[in-house]
């Protein structure tokens, strides 16, 4: 199981300029945060730390797949995800992470924990409504979809019956309806 120590970046010994870090994320990473929404995950995260004389700039990007259940059918499928995020790290008197794009670290700090930012970036990149691609193009065959299609057909039949009933209306009612529209 991964540990939070794997996501600590010691910046005190780094030269000024850009430094690249790469992480391979799977379900063990989400277990650290007690998050078990995904059946399986395989995500590649790139972190670019740009060290400047008075601050740090962190650029996160990720791309990969997660296995999630479809909200319509309940079938599991691989959902491709990707996203980017930037965080500016400044130094101050006390720790402050109230702003999502600005992190203030105390002057004596020598490393930064990026696990929370990676976690938030991935979770927020997953759409609220997850629909299996087979549902969208009509190629998925499941019992749930068959039942939905069966119910949709009966609703159409009921609508057809209503239309037929309206056709058998007494012609005197048509004359009364014309009075409403002649105003």
N, C-alpha and C. Protein backbone atom coordinates (compact mmCIF):
# COMPACT_ATOMS: atom_id res chain seq x y z
N UNK A 1 0.84 -1.18 0.00
CA UNK A 1 0.00 0.00 0.00
C UNK A 1 0.88 1.24 0.00
N UNK A 2 0.51 2.22 -0.78
CA UNK A 2 1.27 3.46 -0.85
C UNK A 2 1.14 4.22 0.45
N UNK A 3 2.13 5.01 0.72
CA UNK A 3 2.15 5.81 1.92
C UNK A 3 2.21 7.27 1.52
N UNK A 4 1.77 8.16 2.40
CA UNK A 4 1.79 9.59 2.10
C UNK A 4 3.23 10.07 1.91
N UNK A 5 4.19 9.37 2.49
CA UNK A 5 5.61 9.75 2.34
C UNK A 5 6.04 9.74 0.88
N UNK A 6 5.41 8.90 0.07
CA UNK A 6 5.76 8.81 -1.35
C UNK A 6 5.41 10.08 -2.10
N UNK A 7 4.55 10.90 -1.52
CA UNK A 7 4.08 12.11 -2.20
C UNK A 7 4.63 13.39 -1.58
N UNK A 8 5.68 13.26 -0.80
CA UNK A 8 6.38 14.42 -0.23
C UNK A 8 7.48 14.84 -1.20
N UNK A 9 7.51 16.12 -1.55
CA UNK A 9 8.56 16.64 -2.43
C UNK A 9 9.45 17.56 -1.61
N UNK A 10 10.70 17.15 -1.36
CA UNK A 10 11.61 18.04 -0.65
C UNK A 10 12.16 19.09 -1.62
N UNK A 11 11.82 20.34 -1.41
CA UNK A 11 12.21 21.39 -2.34
C UNK A 11 13.41 22.18 -1.88
N UNK A 12 13.87 21.97 -0.67
CA UNK A 12 14.95 22.80 -0.12
C UNK A 12 16.28 22.58 -0.84
N UNK A 13 16.54 21.38 -1.32
CA UNK A 13 17.81 21.10 -1.98
C UNK A 13 17.78 21.25 -3.50
N UNK A 14 16.65 21.63 -4.04
CA UNK A 14 16.51 21.74 -5.49
C UNK A 14 17.05 23.08 -6.00
N UNK A 15 17.60 23.07 -7.20
CA UNK A 15 18.07 24.30 -7.83
C UNK A 15 16.88 25.09 -8.34
N UNK A 16 17.09 26.37 -8.62
CA UNK A 16 16.05 27.18 -9.23
C UNK A 16 15.75 26.63 -10.62
N UNK A 17 14.47 26.63 -11.01
CA UNK A 17 14.08 26.10 -12.31
C UNK A 17 13.01 25.04 -12.16
N UNK A 18 12.76 24.31 -13.26
CA UNK A 18 11.69 23.32 -13.30
C UNK A 18 12.21 21.93 -12.94
N UNK A 19 11.38 21.21 -12.20
CA UNK A 19 11.69 19.84 -11.79
C UNK A 19 10.44 18.99 -12.01
N UNK A 20 10.63 17.83 -12.62
CA UNK A 20 9.50 16.97 -13.00
C UNK A 20 9.41 15.77 -12.06
N UNK A 21 8.17 15.46 -11.67
CA UNK A 21 7.89 14.30 -10.83
C UNK A 21 6.73 13.55 -11.48
N UNK A 22 6.77 12.22 -11.40
CA UNK A 22 5.74 11.40 -12.02
C UNK A 22 5.25 10.37 -11.02
N UNK A 23 3.93 10.20 -10.98
CA UNK A 23 3.32 9.24 -10.07
C UNK A 23 2.35 8.36 -10.84
N UNK A 24 2.31 7.08 -10.48
CA UNK A 24 1.35 6.14 -11.04
C UNK A 24 0.33 5.86 -9.95
N UNK A 25 -0.92 6.24 -10.20
CA UNK A 25 -1.96 6.15 -9.19
C UNK A 25 -2.86 4.95 -9.46
N UNK A 26 -3.14 4.19 -8.39
CA UNK A 26 -4.10 3.09 -8.46
C UNK A 26 -5.00 3.14 -7.23
N UNK A 27 -5.78 2.12 -6.98
CA UNK A 27 -6.73 2.15 -5.87
C UNK A 27 -6.06 2.23 -4.50
N UNK A 28 -4.81 1.79 -4.39
CA UNK A 28 -4.10 1.89 -3.11
C UNK A 28 -3.95 3.36 -2.70
N UNK A 29 -3.79 4.24 -3.65
CA UNK A 29 -3.69 5.68 -3.35
C UNK A 29 -5.00 6.18 -2.75
N UNK A 30 -6.14 5.76 -3.29
CA UNK A 30 -7.42 6.23 -2.79
C UNK A 30 -7.76 5.64 -1.43
N UNK A 31 -7.17 4.48 -1.10
CA UNK A 31 -7.37 3.89 0.23
C UNK A 31 -6.78 4.78 1.32
N UNK A 32 -5.75 5.54 1.00
CA UNK A 32 -5.16 6.47 1.97
C UNK A 32 -6.22 7.47 2.44
N UNK A 33 -7.11 7.86 1.53
CA UNK A 33 -8.15 8.86 1.82
C UNK A 33 -9.50 8.23 2.15
N UNK A 34 -9.54 6.90 2.34
CA UNK A 34 -10.79 6.18 2.59
C UNK A 34 -11.83 6.44 1.51
N UNK A 35 -11.41 6.42 0.28
CA UNK A 35 -12.28 6.68 -0.86
C UNK A 35 -12.30 5.44 -1.72
N UNK A 36 -13.47 4.80 -1.82
CA UNK A 36 -13.55 3.53 -2.55
C UNK A 36 -14.66 3.57 -3.60
N UNK A 37 -14.79 4.65 -4.33
CA UNK A 37 -15.81 4.79 -5.37
C UNK A 37 -15.45 4.06 -6.67
N UNK A 38 -14.18 3.79 -6.89
CA UNK A 38 -13.74 3.22 -8.15
C UNK A 38 -13.44 1.73 -7.98
N UNK A 39 -13.88 0.94 -8.96
CA UNK A 39 -13.58 -0.49 -8.94
C UNK A 39 -12.09 -0.72 -9.19
N UNK A 40 -11.54 0.06 -10.12
CA UNK A 40 -10.13 -0.05 -10.48
C UNK A 40 -9.70 1.29 -11.04
N UNK A 41 -8.42 1.60 -10.94
CA UNK A 41 -7.93 2.86 -11.49
C UNK A 41 -6.49 2.71 -11.95
N UNK A 42 -6.17 3.42 -13.02
CA UNK A 42 -4.81 3.44 -13.55
C UNK A 42 -4.60 4.84 -14.13
N UNK A 43 -3.95 5.69 -13.35
CA UNK A 43 -3.82 7.10 -13.71
C UNK A 43 -2.36 7.51 -13.58
N UNK A 44 -1.90 8.23 -14.59
CA UNK A 44 -0.54 8.75 -14.59
C UNK A 44 -0.61 10.25 -14.26
N UNK A 45 0.09 10.66 -13.21
CA UNK A 45 0.09 12.05 -12.77
C UNK A 45 1.48 12.63 -12.96
N UNK A 46 1.53 13.78 -13.63
CA UNK A 46 2.79 14.51 -13.79
C UNK A 46 2.71 15.79 -12.96
N UNK A 47 3.78 16.04 -12.20
CA UNK A 47 3.88 17.25 -11.40
C UNK A 47 5.15 17.98 -11.83
N UNK A 48 4.98 19.25 -12.19
CA UNK A 48 6.13 20.09 -12.54
C UNK A 48 6.24 21.14 -11.44
N UNK A 49 7.35 21.11 -10.73
CA UNK A 49 7.61 22.08 -9.69
C UNK A 49 8.61 23.09 -10.24
N UNK A 50 8.20 24.34 -10.31
CA UNK A 50 9.10 25.40 -10.75
C UNK A 50 9.50 26.19 -9.52
N UNK A 51 10.79 26.07 -9.17
CA UNK A 51 11.30 26.75 -7.99
C UNK A 51 11.81 28.12 -8.40
N UNK A 52 11.28 29.13 -7.73
CA UNK A 52 11.73 30.50 -7.93
C UNK A 52 12.33 30.99 -6.63
N UNK A 53 12.90 32.16 -6.62
CA UNK A 53 13.60 32.63 -5.42
C UNK A 53 12.66 32.88 -4.24
N UNK A 54 11.43 33.30 -4.48
CA UNK A 54 10.53 33.62 -3.38
C UNK A 54 9.29 32.73 -3.31
N UNK A 55 9.09 31.87 -4.29
CA UNK A 55 7.89 31.02 -4.30
C UNK A 55 8.11 29.78 -5.15
N UNK A 56 7.11 28.91 -5.09
CA UNK A 56 7.11 27.68 -5.89
C UNK A 56 5.82 27.65 -6.71
N UNK A 57 5.91 27.15 -7.93
CA UNK A 57 4.72 26.94 -8.76
C UNK A 57 4.61 25.45 -9.05
N UNK A 58 3.46 24.88 -8.72
CA UNK A 58 3.21 23.46 -8.97
C UNK A 58 2.17 23.34 -10.08
N UNK A 59 2.49 22.60 -11.12
CA UNK A 59 1.56 22.33 -12.21
C UNK A 59 1.29 20.83 -12.23
N UNK A 60 0.04 20.47 -12.00
CA UNK A 60 -0.38 19.08 -11.98
C UNK A 60 -1.13 18.76 -13.27
N UNK A 61 -0.93 17.58 -13.79
CA UNK A 61 -1.74 17.08 -14.90
C UNK A 61 -1.87 15.57 -14.74
N UNK A 62 -3.01 15.06 -15.16
CA UNK A 62 -3.22 13.62 -15.06
C UNK A 62 -4.01 13.12 -16.26
N UNK A 63 -3.82 11.85 -16.55
CA UNK A 63 -4.53 11.19 -17.63
C UNK A 63 -4.56 9.70 -17.32
N UNK A 64 -5.71 9.09 -17.52
CA UNK A 64 -5.81 7.67 -17.23
C UNK A 64 -7.24 7.20 -17.33
N UNK A 65 -7.49 6.02 -16.74
CA UNK A 65 -8.82 5.44 -16.75
C UNK A 65 -9.20 5.00 -15.34
N UNK A 66 -10.49 5.08 -15.06
CA UNK A 66 -11.04 4.54 -13.83
C UNK A 66 -12.20 3.64 -14.20
N UNK A 67 -12.41 2.59 -13.44
CA UNK A 67 -13.50 1.68 -13.69
C UNK A 67 -14.61 2.02 -12.71
N UNK A 68 -15.75 2.48 -13.25
CA UNK A 68 -16.87 2.92 -12.42
C UNK A 68 -18.17 2.29 -12.93
N UNK A 69 -19.19 2.22 -12.07
CA UNK A 69 -20.49 1.73 -12.54
C UNK A 69 -21.25 2.83 -13.29
N UNK A 70 -21.98 2.42 -14.30
CA UNK A 70 -22.83 3.33 -15.07
C UNK A 70 -24.01 3.75 -14.20
N UNK A 71 -24.36 5.03 -14.24
CA UNK A 71 -25.48 5.52 -13.44
C UNK A 71 -26.83 5.05 -13.97
N UNK A 72 -26.90 4.69 -15.24
CA UNK A 72 -28.17 4.25 -15.81
C UNK A 72 -28.38 2.74 -15.70
N UNK A 73 -27.33 1.97 -15.96
CA UNK A 73 -27.49 0.52 -16.03
C UNK A 73 -26.83 -0.24 -14.88
N UNK A 74 -25.88 0.38 -14.20
CA UNK A 74 -25.15 -0.31 -13.14
C UNK A 74 -24.00 -1.15 -13.64
N UNK A 75 -23.79 -1.20 -14.95
CA UNK A 75 -22.69 -1.96 -15.54
C UNK A 75 -21.38 -1.21 -15.32
N UNK A 76 -20.31 -1.94 -14.98
CA UNK A 76 -18.99 -1.32 -14.83
C UNK A 76 -18.39 -1.05 -16.20
N UNK A 77 -17.68 0.07 -16.32
CA UNK A 77 -16.98 0.39 -17.55
C UNK A 77 -15.78 1.27 -17.25
N UNK A 78 -14.84 1.31 -18.19
CA UNK A 78 -13.63 2.13 -18.04
C UNK A 78 -13.92 3.54 -18.56
N UNK A 79 -13.77 4.51 -17.67
CA UNK A 79 -14.04 5.91 -18.00
C UNK A 79 -12.71 6.64 -18.13
N UNK A 80 -12.39 7.18 -19.30
CA UNK A 80 -11.15 7.94 -19.44
C UNK A 80 -11.31 9.31 -18.77
N UNK A 81 -10.27 9.71 -18.03
CA UNK A 81 -10.28 11.01 -17.37
C UNK A 81 -8.97 11.72 -17.62
N UNK A 82 -9.02 13.05 -17.57
CA UNK A 82 -7.81 13.85 -17.65
C UNK A 82 -8.11 15.20 -17.04
N UNK A 83 -7.05 15.90 -16.66
CA UNK A 83 -7.25 17.21 -16.04
C UNK A 83 -5.94 17.89 -15.71
N UNK A 84 -6.04 19.17 -15.36
CA UNK A 84 -4.89 19.98 -15.01
C UNK A 84 -5.24 20.85 -13.81
N UNK A 85 -4.21 21.25 -13.09
CA UNK A 85 -4.40 22.14 -11.95
C UNK A 85 -3.09 22.85 -11.65
N UNK A 86 -3.17 24.09 -11.18
CA UNK A 86 -1.98 24.84 -10.79
C UNK A 86 -2.13 25.30 -9.35
N UNK A 87 -1.02 25.27 -8.63
CA UNK A 87 -0.99 25.75 -7.25
C UNK A 87 0.28 26.58 -7.09
N UNK A 88 0.12 27.74 -6.47
CA UNK A 88 1.26 28.60 -6.16
C UNK A 88 1.55 28.46 -4.67
N UNK A 89 2.81 28.25 -4.34
CA UNK A 89 3.23 28.08 -2.94
C UNK A 89 4.06 29.30 -2.55
N UNK A 90 3.58 29.98 -1.53
CA UNK A 90 4.31 31.14 -0.99
C UNK A 90 4.72 30.80 0.43
N UNK A 91 5.57 31.63 0.99
CA UNK A 91 6.03 31.41 2.35
C UNK A 91 5.54 32.54 3.24
N UNK A 92 5.11 32.20 4.46
CA UNK A 92 4.59 33.20 5.39
C UNK A 92 4.80 32.76 6.82
N UNK A 93 4.10 33.42 7.72
CA UNK A 93 4.27 33.15 9.15
C UNK A 93 3.66 31.81 9.56
N UNK A 94 2.49 31.49 9.01
CA UNK A 94 1.82 30.25 9.41
C UNK A 94 1.19 29.56 8.20
N UNK A 95 0.93 28.26 8.36
CA UNK A 95 0.34 27.44 7.30
C UNK A 95 -1.06 27.93 7.00
N UNK A 96 -1.40 28.03 5.68
CA UNK A 96 -2.74 28.45 5.27
C UNK A 96 -3.04 27.83 3.91
N UNK A 97 -4.07 27.01 3.86
CA UNK A 97 -4.49 26.41 2.58
C UNK A 97 -5.96 26.70 2.31
N UNK A 98 -6.45 27.85 2.76
CA UNK A 98 -7.85 28.24 2.55
C UNK A 98 -8.16 28.44 1.07
N UNK A 99 -7.23 29.01 0.32
CA UNK A 99 -7.43 29.25 -1.10
C UNK A 99 -6.97 28.01 -1.87
N UNK A 100 -7.78 27.57 -2.83
CA UNK A 100 -7.44 26.33 -3.56
C UNK A 100 -6.28 26.51 -4.53
N UNK A 101 -5.95 27.74 -4.90
CA UNK A 101 -4.86 27.98 -5.85
C UNK A 101 -3.61 28.54 -5.19
N UNK A 102 -3.69 28.83 -3.89
CA UNK A 102 -2.56 29.41 -3.17
C UNK A 102 -2.37 28.67 -1.87
N UNK A 103 -1.15 28.23 -1.64
CA UNK A 103 -0.78 27.55 -0.40
C UNK A 103 0.31 28.36 0.27
N UNK A 104 0.13 28.66 1.54
CA UNK A 104 1.16 29.40 2.28
C UNK A 104 1.78 28.44 3.28
N UNK A 105 3.09 28.26 3.16
CA UNK A 105 3.85 27.39 4.05
C UNK A 105 4.66 28.25 5.02
N UNK A 106 4.87 27.76 6.25
CA UNK A 106 5.72 28.49 7.18
C UNK A 106 7.16 28.57 6.64
N UNK A 107 7.90 29.58 7.06
CA UNK A 107 9.25 29.83 6.55
C UNK A 107 10.20 28.65 6.76
N UNK A 108 10.04 27.87 7.79
CA UNK A 108 10.97 26.78 8.07
C UNK A 108 10.71 25.49 7.31
N UNK A 109 9.66 25.40 6.54
CA UNK A 109 9.32 24.17 5.83
C UNK A 109 10.36 23.84 4.76
N UNK A 110 10.55 22.55 4.53
CA UNK A 110 11.52 22.11 3.54
C UNK A 110 10.95 21.11 2.53
N UNK A 111 9.68 20.71 2.72
CA UNK A 111 9.04 19.78 1.80
C UNK A 111 7.55 20.09 1.71
N UNK A 112 6.94 19.60 0.62
CA UNK A 112 5.52 19.82 0.40
C UNK A 112 4.85 18.49 0.09
N UNK A 113 3.67 18.29 0.67
CA UNK A 113 2.90 17.07 0.46
C UNK A 113 1.90 17.34 -0.68
N UNK A 114 2.03 16.63 -1.79
CA UNK A 114 1.18 16.86 -2.95
C UNK A 114 0.04 15.84 -3.05
N UNK A 115 -0.06 14.92 -2.11
CA UNK A 115 -1.08 13.86 -2.21
C UNK A 115 -2.50 14.42 -2.19
N UNK A 116 -2.78 15.40 -1.34
CA UNK A 116 -4.13 15.97 -1.27
C UNK A 116 -4.50 16.64 -2.58
N UNK A 117 -3.56 17.33 -3.20
CA UNK A 117 -3.84 18.01 -4.47
C UNK A 117 -4.08 17.00 -5.60
N UNK A 118 -3.31 15.92 -5.60
CA UNK A 118 -3.50 14.87 -6.61
C UNK A 118 -4.88 14.23 -6.43
N UNK A 119 -5.22 13.93 -5.18
CA UNK A 119 -6.52 13.32 -4.88
C UNK A 119 -7.67 14.21 -5.34
N UNK A 120 -7.64 15.49 -4.97
CA UNK A 120 -8.71 16.41 -5.34
C UNK A 120 -8.81 16.59 -6.86
N UNK A 121 -7.67 16.69 -7.53
CA UNK A 121 -7.66 16.88 -8.97
C UNK A 121 -8.32 15.70 -9.68
N UNK A 122 -8.00 14.49 -9.26
CA UNK A 122 -8.56 13.30 -9.90
C UNK A 122 -10.06 13.17 -9.61
N UNK A 123 -10.44 13.31 -8.36
CA UNK A 123 -11.85 13.14 -7.99
C UNK A 123 -12.72 14.20 -8.66
N UNK A 124 -12.22 15.42 -8.76
CA UNK A 124 -13.02 16.48 -9.39
C UNK A 124 -13.06 16.37 -10.91
N UNK A 125 -12.19 15.58 -11.50
CA UNK A 125 -12.22 15.43 -12.96
C UNK A 125 -13.22 14.36 -13.42
N UNK A 126 -13.76 13.59 -12.49
CA UNK A 126 -14.75 12.57 -12.82
C UNK A 126 -16.12 13.25 -12.96
N UNK A 127 -16.82 13.03 -14.07
CA UNK A 127 -18.12 13.69 -14.25
C UNK A 127 -19.14 13.21 -13.22
N UNK A 128 -20.10 14.07 -12.90
CA UNK A 128 -21.13 13.70 -11.94
C UNK A 128 -22.01 12.58 -12.47
N UNK A 129 -22.33 12.64 -13.75
CA UNK A 129 -23.16 11.60 -14.37
C UNK A 129 -22.27 10.74 -15.25
N UNK A 130 -22.18 9.47 -14.89
CA UNK A 130 -21.33 8.54 -15.62
C UNK A 130 -22.20 7.59 -16.42
N UNK A 131 -22.12 7.71 -17.74
CA UNK A 131 -22.96 6.90 -18.62
C UNK A 131 -22.06 6.02 -19.48
N UNK A 132 -22.37 4.75 -19.52
CA UNK A 132 -21.62 3.77 -20.31
C UNK A 132 -21.66 4.19 -21.78
N UNK A 133 -20.52 4.14 -22.50
CA UNK A 133 -20.53 4.54 -23.91
C UNK A 133 -21.45 3.68 -24.77
N UNK A 134 -21.71 2.46 -24.36
CA UNK A 134 -22.62 1.59 -25.09
C UNK A 134 -24.07 2.06 -25.00
N UNK A 135 -24.42 2.77 -23.94
CA UNK A 135 -25.76 3.32 -23.81
C UNK A 135 -25.94 4.46 -24.81
N UNK A 136 -24.90 5.28 -24.94
CA UNK A 136 -24.99 6.44 -25.83
C UNK A 136 -25.08 6.04 -27.29
N UNK A 137 -24.35 5.01 -27.69
CA UNK A 137 -24.40 4.62 -29.11
C UNK A 137 -25.36 3.46 -29.38
N UNK A 138 -26.00 2.92 -28.33
CA UNK A 138 -27.00 1.89 -28.52
C UNK A 138 -26.46 0.48 -28.65
N UNK A 139 -25.18 0.26 -28.39
CA UNK A 139 -24.59 -1.06 -28.59
C UNK A 139 -24.61 -1.92 -27.32
N UNK A 140 -24.93 -1.35 -26.17
CA UNK A 140 -24.91 -2.10 -24.91
C UNK A 140 -26.20 -2.90 -24.76
N UNK A 141 -26.07 -4.17 -24.43
CA UNK A 141 -27.23 -5.04 -24.24
C UNK A 141 -27.22 -5.55 -22.80
N UNK A 142 -28.16 -5.07 -21.98
CA UNK A 142 -28.29 -5.55 -20.60
C UNK A 142 -29.77 -5.76 -20.29
N UNK A 143 -30.03 -6.45 -19.19
CA UNK A 143 -31.41 -6.69 -18.78
C UNK A 143 -32.08 -5.36 -18.41
N UNK A 144 -31.31 -4.47 -17.77
CA UNK A 144 -31.88 -3.18 -17.36
C UNK A 144 -32.31 -2.36 -18.58
N UNK A 145 -31.48 -2.31 -19.60
CA UNK A 145 -31.83 -1.55 -20.80
C UNK A 145 -33.00 -2.20 -21.54
N UNK A 146 -33.02 -3.53 -21.58
CA UNK A 146 -34.14 -4.22 -22.21
C UNK A 146 -35.44 -3.88 -21.51
N UNK A 147 -35.42 -3.85 -20.20
CA UNK A 147 -36.61 -3.50 -19.43
C UNK A 147 -37.01 -2.05 -19.68
N UNK A 148 -36.03 -1.14 -19.73
CA UNK A 148 -36.34 0.27 -20.02
C UNK A 148 -36.96 0.42 -21.40
N UNK A 149 -36.42 -0.29 -22.38
CA UNK A 149 -36.98 -0.23 -23.73
C UNK A 149 -38.39 -0.81 -23.77
N UNK A 150 -38.61 -1.89 -23.02
CA UNK A 150 -39.93 -2.50 -22.97
C UNK A 150 -40.94 -1.52 -22.38
N UNK A 151 -40.56 -0.81 -21.33
CA UNK A 151 -41.46 0.16 -20.71
C UNK A 151 -41.70 1.36 -21.63
N UNK A 152 -40.68 1.77 -22.37
CA UNK A 152 -40.84 2.90 -23.27
C UNK A 152 -41.83 2.57 -24.38
N UNK A 153 -41.82 1.35 -24.86
CA UNK A 153 -42.73 0.93 -25.92
C UNK A 153 -44.17 0.93 -25.40
N UNK A 154 -44.41 0.48 -24.18
CA UNK A 154 -45.76 0.47 -23.65
C UNK A 154 -46.28 1.89 -23.46
N UNK A 155 -45.42 2.81 -23.12
CA UNK A 155 -45.85 4.20 -22.99
C UNK A 155 -46.28 4.74 -24.34
N UNK A 156 -45.57 4.37 -25.40
CA UNK A 156 -45.95 4.81 -26.73
C UNK A 156 -47.30 4.21 -27.13
N UNK A 157 -47.53 2.95 -26.77
CA UNK A 157 -48.80 2.31 -27.09
C UNK A 157 -49.93 3.01 -26.37
N UNK A 158 -49.70 3.38 -25.11
CA UNK A 158 -50.73 4.08 -24.35
C UNK A 158 -51.03 5.44 -24.99
N UNK A 159 -50.01 6.11 -25.47
CA UNK A 159 -50.18 7.41 -26.13
C UNK A 159 -50.99 7.23 -27.42
N UNK A 160 -50.73 6.16 -28.18
CA UNK A 160 -51.48 5.89 -29.40
C UNK A 160 -52.96 5.66 -29.09
N UNK A 161 -53.24 4.93 -28.00
CA UNK A 161 -54.62 4.68 -27.59
C UNK A 161 -55.34 5.99 -27.25
N UNK A 162 -54.66 6.91 -26.61
CA UNK A 162 -55.25 8.21 -26.28
C UNK A 162 -55.58 8.98 -27.56
N UNK A 163 -54.67 8.92 -28.54
CA UNK A 163 -54.90 9.61 -29.81
C UNK A 163 -56.14 9.04 -30.51
N UNK A 164 -56.32 7.72 -30.47
CA UNK A 164 -57.48 7.10 -31.09
C UNK A 164 -58.76 7.52 -30.39
N UNK A 165 -58.71 7.63 -29.06
CA UNK A 165 -59.88 8.05 -28.31
C UNK A 165 -60.26 9.48 -28.68
N UNK A 166 -59.26 10.33 -28.88
CA UNK A 166 -59.53 11.71 -29.24
C UNK A 166 -60.15 11.81 -30.64
N UNK A 167 -59.84 10.86 -31.51
CA UNK A 167 -60.42 10.86 -32.85
C UNK A 167 -61.90 10.51 -32.82
N UNK A 168 -62.35 9.78 -31.82
CA UNK A 168 -63.74 9.35 -31.72
C UNK A 168 -64.60 10.35 -30.92
N UNK A 169 -64.20 11.59 -30.86
CA UNK A 169 -64.92 12.61 -30.10
C UNK A 169 -66.13 13.09 -30.91
N UNK A 170 -67.19 13.36 -30.20
CA UNK A 170 -68.42 13.87 -30.79
C UNK A 170 -68.14 15.19 -31.51
N UNK A 171 -68.59 15.39 -32.76
CA UNK A 171 -68.30 16.60 -33.52
C UNK A 171 -68.85 17.86 -32.87
N UNK A 172 -69.83 17.75 -31.99
CA UNK A 172 -70.35 18.94 -31.32
C UNK A 172 -69.29 19.59 -30.42
N UNK A 173 -68.38 18.77 -29.89
CA UNK A 173 -67.31 19.32 -29.04
C UNK A 173 -66.36 20.16 -29.89
N UNK A 174 -66.14 19.79 -31.12
CA UNK A 174 -65.27 20.57 -32.00
C UNK A 174 -65.81 21.98 -32.19
N UNK A 175 -67.13 22.10 -32.33
CA UNK A 175 -67.76 23.42 -32.47
C UNK A 175 -67.53 24.26 -31.21
N UNK A 176 -67.61 23.62 -30.05
CA UNK A 176 -67.38 24.34 -28.80
C UNK A 176 -65.92 24.77 -28.66
N UNK A 177 -65.01 23.94 -29.10
CA UNK A 177 -63.58 24.29 -29.07
C UNK A 177 -63.29 25.47 -29.96
N UNK A 178 -64.00 25.59 -31.06
CA UNK A 178 -63.80 26.72 -31.97
C UNK A 178 -64.21 28.03 -31.31
N UNK A 179 -65.19 27.99 -30.43
CA UNK A 179 -65.61 29.19 -29.71
C UNK A 179 -64.47 29.75 -28.84
N UNK A 180 -63.69 28.84 -28.27
CA UNK A 180 -62.55 29.29 -27.45
C UNK A 180 -61.46 29.95 -28.28
N UNK A 181 -61.26 29.49 -29.49
CA UNK A 181 -60.18 30.03 -30.32
C UNK A 181 -60.60 31.21 -31.17
N UNK A 182 -61.91 31.50 -31.28
CA UNK A 182 -62.38 32.61 -32.11
C UNK A 182 -62.30 33.96 -31.41
N UNK A 183 -61.88 34.05 -30.20
CA UNK A 183 -61.86 35.31 -29.46
C UNK A 183 -61.02 36.34 -30.13
